[in-house]
Protein backbone atom coordinates (compact mmCIF):
# COMPACT_ATOMS: atom_id res chain seq x y z
CA MET A 1 253.78 112.75 -60.47
CA LYS A 2 252.35 109.53 -59.01
CA LYS A 3 249.16 109.93 -61.06
CA ILE A 4 251.10 110.34 -64.28
CA LEU A 5 253.27 107.31 -63.56
CA PHE A 6 250.23 105.24 -62.60
CA SER A 7 248.42 106.30 -65.80
CA LEU A 8 251.44 105.39 -67.90
CA ILE A 9 251.67 101.94 -66.31
CA LEU A 10 247.97 101.31 -66.90
CA MET A 11 248.29 102.34 -70.55
CA LEU A 12 251.22 99.97 -71.03
CA VAL A 13 249.25 97.11 -69.47
CA THR A 14 246.27 97.70 -71.76
CA ILE A 15 248.54 97.80 -74.82
CA GLN A 16 249.99 94.44 -73.84
CA LEU A 17 246.53 92.95 -73.30
CA SER A 18 245.29 94.06 -76.69
CA ALA A 19 248.24 92.31 -78.35
CA GLN A 20 247.05 88.90 -77.19
CA ASP A 21 245.13 86.57 -79.48
CA ASN A 22 241.41 86.46 -78.69
CA GLY A 23 240.78 83.02 -80.19
CA VAL A 24 240.43 80.31 -77.56
CA GLU A 25 240.49 76.98 -79.36
CA MET A 26 238.88 74.98 -76.58
CA ALA A 27 235.94 77.39 -76.29
CA ASP A 28 235.52 77.48 -80.07
CA LYS A 29 235.52 73.67 -80.22
CA LEU A 30 232.98 73.39 -77.37
CA ARG A 31 230.80 76.05 -78.97
CA SER A 32 230.87 74.35 -82.37
CA ASP A 33 229.96 70.99 -80.80
CA GLY A 34 227.17 72.55 -78.72
CA LYS A 35 228.80 71.38 -75.49
CA ILE A 36 229.42 74.90 -74.21
CA TYR A 37 225.85 74.89 -72.90
CA VAL A 38 226.66 71.88 -70.71
CA VAL A 39 229.61 73.77 -69.24
CA VAL A 40 227.48 76.87 -68.62
CA VAL A 41 224.73 74.80 -66.96
CA CYS A 42 227.28 73.10 -64.68
CA ILE A 43 228.73 76.45 -63.64
CA VAL A 44 225.26 77.86 -62.94
CA ILE A 45 224.32 74.82 -60.84
CA ILE A 46 227.51 75.12 -58.80
CA LEU A 47 226.96 78.85 -58.21
CA LEU A 48 223.34 78.32 -57.20
CA GLY A 49 224.41 75.62 -54.77
CA LEU A 50 227.01 77.92 -53.23
CA LEU A 51 224.46 80.73 -52.90
CA ALA A 52 221.92 78.41 -51.27
CA TYR A 53 224.58 77.20 -48.84
CA LEU A 54 225.58 80.76 -47.94
CA PHE A 55 221.96 81.79 -47.34
CA SER A 56 221.35 78.75 -45.13
CA ILE A 57 224.46 79.58 -43.09
CA ASP A 58 223.26 83.17 -42.78
CA LYS A 59 219.85 82.04 -41.51
CA ARG A 60 221.42 79.73 -38.92
CA LEU A 61 223.83 82.43 -37.79
CA LYS A 62 221.01 84.95 -37.35
CA LYS A 63 219.11 82.38 -35.29
CA ILE A 64 222.14 81.75 -33.05
CA GLU A 65 222.76 85.49 -32.64
CA LYS A 66 219.13 86.03 -31.71
CA GLU A 67 219.27 83.27 -29.06
CA ASN A 68 222.49 84.55 -27.51
CA LEU A 69 221.59 88.22 -27.25
CA PRO A 70 221.46 89.40 -23.63
CA LYS A 71 217.96 90.30 -22.53
CA ASN A 72 217.55 93.71 -20.87
């Protein structure tokens, strides 16, 4: 019974989502002006910076863990 109810709810959600308009005016305007590439480049730079920061934290954490391990 729960599976049927869950399936029905998911079907209703997908019907509602398909009724929405797919045209985003801001994205269409940026794409027509050629500025969408600037937005994409900025997003990529931010994500690369976050990844580099996470990897540097991971390296430092591994170094600290290695130093603090008890020696047998």
